[in-house]
Amino acid sequence: MPKAVVYRQYGVPAETVEVVDLPAAAPGPGQVLVENVLAPINPADLNTVEGKYPVRYPLPATPGVEGVATVAEVGPGVTGFQPGQAVLLPHGYGTWREGGVVEAESLFPVPEGVPYAEAAMIKINPCTAWRMLHDFVAPQPGAWVVQNAGNSGVGRAVIAIAQKIGLRTVSLVRRPELIEELTAAGGDVVLLDDDNAKAEIKARTEGAKIYLGLNSVGGESATRVANALAQGGKVITFGAMSRQPMKIPTGLLIFKDIRFLGFWMTRWYQSATEADARAMYAELLGMAREGAFKTPIDRVYPVTEIQEAVTRALQGGRAGKVLLGKGL
């Protein structure tokens, strides 16, 4: 019998989640039976279990907002899918499980040649990066974008997508050893996120006017991103890793007219058309097939070891992402 992770109340993930057996199921008309391959443990997933995320599902619930599976069986009337085919799992399905029945129309086919791990993580971090690079400032070839947390999942996706669409990146990081790593990954300028950043950015970009800044840290780091922008520039905040409030100097508002905006991928999905989402998936999966994304993986745990997996996902100093599934 397939197994799934569930939580019946909100609380500390390792103490709240449990593994249950799912009843055997067969696909009905318009449905597909899938076998899950990999699903990441994202911060938003953990926040959801803790009850700290704005989205709450009816309890008991299965966490997990993204993942990749293979088709095991198709139901009557289903066309376009066949056994063994890789597919992206839909939002709301609860991807921390070994498999289940899904509506065929909610699945998105994964092209051959896309690594399972990258497909499993395509819907959140790369999509967030894609939207922020396209939706706030019209991408102009050769233009610069500055971001903090350049080594994060979104930060690495920003670097890869910027290369693809002709933008140049300034990435701020907290550890010196990340400078060489992100430069090798395609970062145009990688700098320490410290008080020297403003002058360093100006020097390394030869005083270029930068109109887009991406902030997932908050605190002083967000101020450094804002200080790098030209008049009328926009700071897009999509995270708060430092857990510190943003500090916005009055001069940036009055004299430079810097705009501070927020972005939440879930909100985009709630308002986007299916066609827009699928077009984005196609673009990003094409990039993944070309090897544009190389997300570091820390460990892969089976669903049955969920307590160990969520504990590891909450630890600092990891080598990369923690996933649930069959392994790489």
Protein backbone atom coordinates (compact mmCIF):
# COMPACT_ATOMS: atom_id res chain seq x y z
CA MET A 1 0.00 0.00 0.00
CA PRO A 2 1.32 3.49 -0.81
CA LYS A 3 2.20 5.71 2.11
CA ALA A 4 1.70 9.42 2.71
CA VAL A 5 2.76 12.03 5.24
CA VAL A 6 -0.07 13.73 7.12
CA TYR A 7 -0.45 16.28 9.89
CA ARG A 8 -3.61 16.44 12.00
CA GLN A 9 -2.75 19.60 13.90
CA TYR A 10 -0.26 22.46 13.62
CA GLY A 11 3.03 22.33 15.45
CA VAL A 12 6.72 21.44 15.31
CA PRO A 13 7.07 19.45 12.06
CA ALA A 14 9.11 16.55 13.47
CA GLU A 15 6.56 16.13 16.27
CA THR A 16 3.46 16.71 14.16
CA VAL A 17 3.86 14.76 10.92
CA GLU A 18 3.16 11.04 10.69
CA VAL A 19 3.11 8.36 8.01
CA VAL A 20 -0.15 6.63 7.07
CA ASP A 21 -1.14 3.93 4.60
CA LEU A 22 -3.24 5.00 1.66
CA PRO A 23 -5.90 2.69 0.23
CA ALA A 24 -5.07 1.16 -3.13
CA ALA A 25 -6.69 3.19 -5.88
CA ALA A 26 -7.39 2.89 -9.58
CA PRO A 27 -7.85 5.84 -11.94
CA GLY A 28 -11.37 6.67 -13.02
CA PRO A 29 -12.44 8.54 -16.15
CA GLY A 30 -10.14 11.48 -16.81
CA GLN A 31 -7.74 10.42 -14.08
CA VAL A 32 -4.16 9.14 -13.86
CA LEU A 33 -2.52 6.95 -11.22
CA VAL A 34 0.96 8.29 -10.47
CA GLU A 35 3.97 7.06 -8.55
CA ASN A 36 5.85 9.91 -6.90
CA VAL A 37 9.57 10.12 -7.61
CA LEU A 38 10.80 13.22 -5.75
CA ALA A 39 9.31 16.10 -3.77
CA PRO A 40 11.30 18.85 -2.04
CA ILE A 41 10.87 20.00 1.53
CA ASN A 42 10.44 23.74 1.09
CA PRO A 43 10.38 26.35 3.87
CA ALA A 44 6.77 27.11 2.93
CA ASP A 45 5.86 23.45 3.45
CA LEU A 46 7.34 23.50 6.95
CA ASN A 47 5.62 26.82 7.72
CA THR A 48 2.34 25.27 6.61
CA VAL A 49 2.74 22.37 9.03
CA GLU A 50 3.59 24.87 11.77
CA GLY A 51 0.45 26.86 11.01
CA LYS A 52 2.49 29.97 10.15
CA TYR A 53 1.73 30.10 6.42
CA PRO A 54 -1.15 32.18 5.01
CA VAL A 55 -2.56 29.11 3.21
CA ARG A 56 -4.22 26.50 5.43
CA TYR A 57 -5.63 23.22 4.15
CA PRO A 58 -8.45 21.27 5.81
CA LEU A 59 -7.00 18.86 8.38
CA PRO A 60 -5.77 16.18 8.23
CA ALA A 61 -3.62 17.27 5.28
CA THR A 62 -0.59 16.09 3.34
CA PRO A 63 2.17 18.71 2.88
CA GLY A 64 4.12 19.42 -0.28
CA VAL A 65 3.38 21.91 -3.05
CA GLU A 66 5.61 20.59 -5.82
CA GLY A 67 7.12 17.37 -7.06
CA VAL A 68 7.61 15.01 -9.98
CA ALA A 69 6.00 11.63 -10.55
CA THR A 70 5.71 8.98 -13.24
CA VAL A 71 2.47 7.74 -14.73
CA ALA A 72 1.56 4.24 -13.54
CA GLU A 73 -1.85 3.86 -15.16
CA VAL A 74 -4.27 6.03 -17.14
CA GLY A 75 -8.02 5.97 -16.71
CA PRO A 76 -10.72 5.82 -19.38
CA GLY A 77 -10.75 8.73 -21.79
CA VAL A 78 -7.26 9.99 -20.90
CA THR A 79 -5.05 10.91 -23.84
CA GLY A 80 -1.59 12.48 -23.95
CA PHE A 81 -0.17 10.44 -21.06
CA GLN A 82 1.29 6.96 -20.97
CA PRO A 83 2.82 4.68 -18.33
CA GLY A 84 6.36 5.64 -17.40
CA GLN A 85 5.98 9.27 -18.47
CA ALA A 86 7.28 11.92 -16.05
CA VAL A 87 4.83 14.62 -14.96
CA LEU A 88 4.77 17.67 -12.70
CA LEU A 89 2.37 17.24 -9.79
CA PRO A 90 -0.34 19.88 -9.25
CA HIS A 91 -0.75 22.38 -6.43
CA GLY A 92 -3.05 21.16 -3.70
CA TYR A 93 -2.23 17.50 -4.26
CA GLY A 94 0.08 17.13 -1.27
CA THR A 95 3.28 15.78 -2.78
CA TRP A 96 4.77 14.19 0.36
CA ARG A 97 3.41 10.77 -0.57
CA GLU A 98 4.35 7.71 -2.59
CA GLY A 99 1.59 8.05 -5.15
CA GLY A 100 -2.09 8.46 -5.82
CA VAL A 101 -4.81 9.32 -8.29
CA VAL A 102 -4.73 12.76 -9.96
CA GLU A 103 -6.93 14.48 -12.51
CA ALA A 104 -5.14 14.22 -15.86
CA GLU A 105 -5.85 17.82 -16.78
CA SER A 106 -3.91 19.04 -13.71
CA LEU A 107 -0.67 17.31 -14.77
CA PHE A 108 2.09 18.80 -16.91
CA PRO A 109 4.34 16.50 -18.97
CA VAL A 110 8.07 16.64 -18.30
CA PRO A 111 10.18 16.42 -21.47
CA GLU A 112 12.66 13.59 -21.76
CA GLY A 113 16.13 14.55 -20.61
CA VAL A 114 15.02 16.74 -17.69
CA PRO A 115 16.62 15.49 -14.45
CA TYR A 116 13.98 14.35 -11.98
CA ALA A 117 15.42 16.52 -9.19
CA GLU A 118 15.20 19.71 -11.25
CA ALA A 119 11.69 18.86 -12.44
CA ALA A 120 10.61 18.27 -8.84
CA MET A 121 11.77 21.76 -7.85
CA ILE A 122 10.72 23.75 -10.92
CA LYS A 123 7.37 25.16 -9.72
CA ILE A 124 8.53 27.35 -6.82
CA ASN A 125 12.08 28.71 -6.95
CA PRO A 126 12.68 28.90 -10.73
CA CYS A 127 9.12 30.13 -11.28
CA THR A 128 9.57 32.80 -8.61
CA ALA A 129 12.78 33.94 -10.28
CA TRP A 130 11.14 33.90 -13.73
CA ARG A 131 8.21 36.03 -12.65
CA MET A 132 10.30 38.60 -10.78
CA LEU A 133 12.64 39.04 -13.74
CA HIS A 134 9.73 39.55 -16.14
CA ASP A 135 6.83 41.15 -14.30
CA PHE A 136 8.22 44.29 -12.61
CA VAL A 137 10.78 45.78 -15.00
CA ALA A 138 10.76 44.99 -18.70
CA PRO A 139 13.91 42.90 -19.33
CA GLN A 140 16.37 44.89 -21.44
CA PRO A 141 19.40 43.04 -22.84
CA GLY A 142 22.50 43.95 -20.88
CA ALA A 143 20.59 45.47 -17.95
CA TRP A 144 21.66 44.67 -14.41
CA VAL A 145 19.68 43.16 -11.54
CA VAL A 146 20.95 43.03 -7.96
CA GLN A 147 19.92 40.40 -5.42
CA ASN A 148 20.82 39.20 -1.96
CA ALA A 149 21.00 35.53 -0.90
CA GLY A 150 22.53 34.77 -4.27
CA ASN A 151 23.27 31.17 -3.24
CA SER A 152 19.64 30.39 -2.37
CA GLY A 153 17.41 28.34 -4.62
CA VAL A 154 15.79 31.44 -6.07
CA GLY A 155 19.13 33.24 -6.26
CA ARG A 156 20.70 30.49 -8.34
CA ALA A 157 17.65 30.41 -10.60
CA VAL A 158 17.87 34.20 -11.05
CA ILE A 159 21.46 33.81 -12.25
CA ALA A 160 20.53 31.06 -14.72
CA ILE A 161 17.43 32.78 -16.09
CA ALA A 162 19.20 36.15 -16.36
CA GLN A 163 21.86 34.51 -18.53
CA LYS A 164 19.11 33.06 -20.71
CA ILE A 165 17.30 36.35 -21.28
CA GLY A 166 20.37 38.57 -21.55
CA LEU A 167 20.44 40.24 -18.13
CA ARG A 168 23.50 40.66 -15.90
CA THR A 169 23.46 39.90 -12.19
CA VAL A 170 24.99 41.26 -9.02
CA SER A 171 24.61 38.66 -6.28
CA LEU A 172 25.29 39.37 -2.62
CA VAL A 173 26.33 36.48 -0.37
CA ARG A 174 27.33 36.09 3.28
CA ARG A 175 30.26 33.66 2.93
CA PRO A 176 33.48 34.33 0.94
CA GLU A 177 33.67 30.76 -0.39
CA LEU A 178 30.42 31.30 -2.28
CA ILE A 179 31.93 33.99 -4.50
CA GLU A 180 33.93 31.57 -6.63
CA GLU A 181 31.10 29.01 -6.65
CA LEU A 182 28.45 31.42 -7.94
CA THR A 183 30.84 33.03 -10.40
CA ALA A 184 31.49 29.59 -11.86
CA ALA A 185 27.72 29.10 -12.05
CA GLY A 186 27.37 32.20 -14.23
CA GLY A 187 27.06 35.08 -11.78
CA ASP A 188 28.44 38.22 -13.40
CA VAL A 189 29.37 39.95 -10.13
CA VAL A 190 29.33 38.17 -6.76
CA LEU A 191 30.12 40.20 -3.64
CA LEU A 192 30.00 39.91 0.11
CA ASP A 193 26.83 41.30 1.65
CA ASP A 194 28.54 43.89 3.84
CA ASP A 195 28.96 47.64 4.23
CA ASN A 196 31.34 47.77 1.24
CA ALA A 197 28.70 46.41 -1.12
CA LYS A 198 27.36 49.78 -2.35
CA ALA A 199 30.76 51.04 -3.50
CA GLU A 200 31.74 47.63 -4.87
CA ILE A 201 28.54 47.37 -6.92
CA LYS A 202 29.09 50.83 -8.41
CA ALA A 203 32.68 49.99 -9.31
CA ARG A 204 32.03 46.52 -10.71
CA THR A 205 29.08 47.64 -12.84
CA GLU A 206 30.89 50.81 -13.94
CA GLY A 207 28.16 52.97 -12.47
CA ALA A 208 25.37 51.34 -14.46
CA LYS A 209 21.82 52.32 -13.60
CA ILE A 210 20.13 49.36 -11.94
CA TYR A 211 16.35 49.34 -11.76
CA LEU A 212 15.54 45.94 -10.26
CA GLY A 213 16.55 44.62 -6.85
CA LEU A 214 15.46 41.28 -5.36
CA ASN A 215 15.33 40.90 -1.59
CA SER A 216 14.76 37.68 0.36
CA VAL A 217 16.76 38.60 3.47
CA GLY A 218 15.42 41.84 4.97
CA GLY A 219 17.23 43.96 7.56
CA GLU A 220 20.41 45.78 6.52
CA SER A 221 20.79 43.52 3.49
CA ALA A 222 17.56 44.84 1.98
CA THR A 223 18.83 48.38 2.47
CA ARG A 224 22.02 47.51 0.61
CA VAL A 225 19.97 46.20 -2.31
CA ALA A 226 17.88 49.39 -2.35
CA ASN A 227 20.96 51.60 -2.18
CA ALA A 228 22.28 50.00 -5.37
CA LEU A 229 19.29 51.12 -7.42
CA ALA A 230 18.86 54.10 -9.70
CA GLN A 231 16.07 56.65 -9.34
CA GLY A 232 12.72 54.95 -9.81
CA GLY A 233 14.13 51.49 -9.19
CA LYS A 234 12.07 48.71 -7.61
CA VAL A 235 12.91 46.43 -4.69
CA ILE A 236 10.92 43.19 -4.84
CA THR A 237 10.73 41.40 -1.51
CA PHE A 238 9.79 37.73 -1.51
CA GLY A 239 11.34 36.45 1.71
CA ALA A 240 12.75 37.39 5.09
CA MET A 241 15.60 34.99 5.85
CA SER A 242 17.16 37.22 8.48
CA ARG A 243 13.81 37.57 10.30
CA GLN A 244 14.70 41.26 10.61
CA PRO A 245 12.37 44.07 9.49
CA MET A 246 13.34 46.07 6.44
CA LYS A 247 14.98 49.42 7.10
CA ILE A 248 14.04 51.98 4.45
CA PRO A 249 15.93 55.29 4.58
CA THR A 250 13.59 58.19 3.95
CA GLY A 251 15.91 59.59 1.30
CA LEU A 252 15.41 56.52 -0.89
CA LEU A 253 11.69 57.25 -0.95
CA ILE A 254 11.79 61.03 -1.35
CA PHE A 255 14.84 61.72 -3.47
CA LYS A 256 15.27 58.48 -5.41
CA ASP A 257 11.63 57.40 -5.61
CA ILE A 258 12.55 53.78 -4.92
CA ARG A 259 9.50 51.52 -4.97
CA PHE A 260 9.19 48.67 -2.46
CA LEU A 261 6.94 45.85 -3.62
CA GLY A 262 6.20 42.29 -2.52
CA PHE A 263 5.92 39.07 -4.48
CA TRP A 264 4.31 35.77 -3.45
CA MET A 265 4.35 32.91 -5.95
CA THR A 266 1.16 31.46 -4.47
CA ARG A 267 -0.69 34.71 -5.18
CA TRP A 268 0.54 34.62 -8.77
CA TYR A 269 -0.79 31.08 -9.19
CA GLN A 270 -4.14 32.12 -7.74
CA SER A 271 -4.64 34.83 -10.35
CA ALA A 272 -2.75 33.46 -13.37
CA THR A 273 -4.34 31.67 -16.27
CA GLU A 274 -3.57 28.02 -16.86
CA ALA A 275 -2.06 28.98 -20.21
CA ASP A 276 0.37 31.42 -18.58
CA ALA A 277 1.48 28.86 -16.01
CA ARG A 278 1.99 26.15 -18.61
CA ALA A 279 3.96 28.47 -20.88
CA MET A 280 6.26 29.27 -17.93
CA TYR A 281 6.72 25.57 -17.11
CA ALA A 282 7.62 24.84 -20.71
CA GLU A 283 10.27 27.55 -20.77
CA LEU A 284 11.84 26.49 -17.47
CA LEU A 285 11.76 22.75 -18.19
CA GLY A 286 13.48 23.50 -21.49
CA MET A 287 16.20 25.29 -19.57
CA ALA A 288 16.44 22.38 -17.13
CA ARG A 289 16.90 19.97 -20.01
CA GLU A 290 19.77 22.14 -21.25
CA GLY A 291 21.41 21.90 -17.81
CA ALA A 292 20.75 25.51 -16.79
CA PHE A 293 19.70 24.55 -13.26
CA LYS A 294 22.02 22.62 -10.97
CA THR A 295 20.38 22.80 -7.57
CA PRO A 296 22.59 21.38 -4.80
CA ILE A 297 21.01 18.35 -3.10
CA ASP A 298 21.77 17.55 0.52
CA ARG A 299 19.89 14.28 1.00
CA VAL A 300 16.93 12.29 -0.27
CA TYR A 301 14.80 10.48 2.33
CA PRO A 302 12.03 7.94 1.81
CA VAL A 303 8.60 9.06 2.95
CA THR A 304 8.84 6.63 5.87
CA GLU A 305 11.72 8.66 7.34
CA ILE A 306 9.82 11.93 7.39
CA GLN A 307 10.82 12.89 10.95
CA GLU A 308 14.51 12.66 10.07
CA ALA A 309 13.88 14.49 6.79
CA VAL A 310 12.11 17.51 8.29
CA THR A 311 14.66 17.71 11.10
CA ARG A 312 17.44 17.81 8.52
CA ALA A 313 15.61 20.39 6.43
CA LEU A 314 15.47 22.74 9.42
CA GLN A 315 19.19 22.44 10.18
CA GLY A 316 21.69 25.09 9.11
CA GLY A 317 24.88 24.28 7.25
CA ARG A 318 23.26 21.83 4.84
CA ALA A 319 24.91 21.10 1.50
CA GLY A 320 21.69 21.75 -0.38
CA LYS A 321 18.02 20.83 -0.63
CA VAL A 322 16.35 17.99 1.26
CA LEU A 323 13.90 15.89 -0.76
CA LEU A 324 11.52 13.01 -0.23
CA GLY A 325 11.32 10.14 -2.68
CA LYS A 326 13.04 7.20 -4.25
CA GLY A 327 16.50 8.74 -4.54
CA LEU A 328 18.50 10.24 -7.41
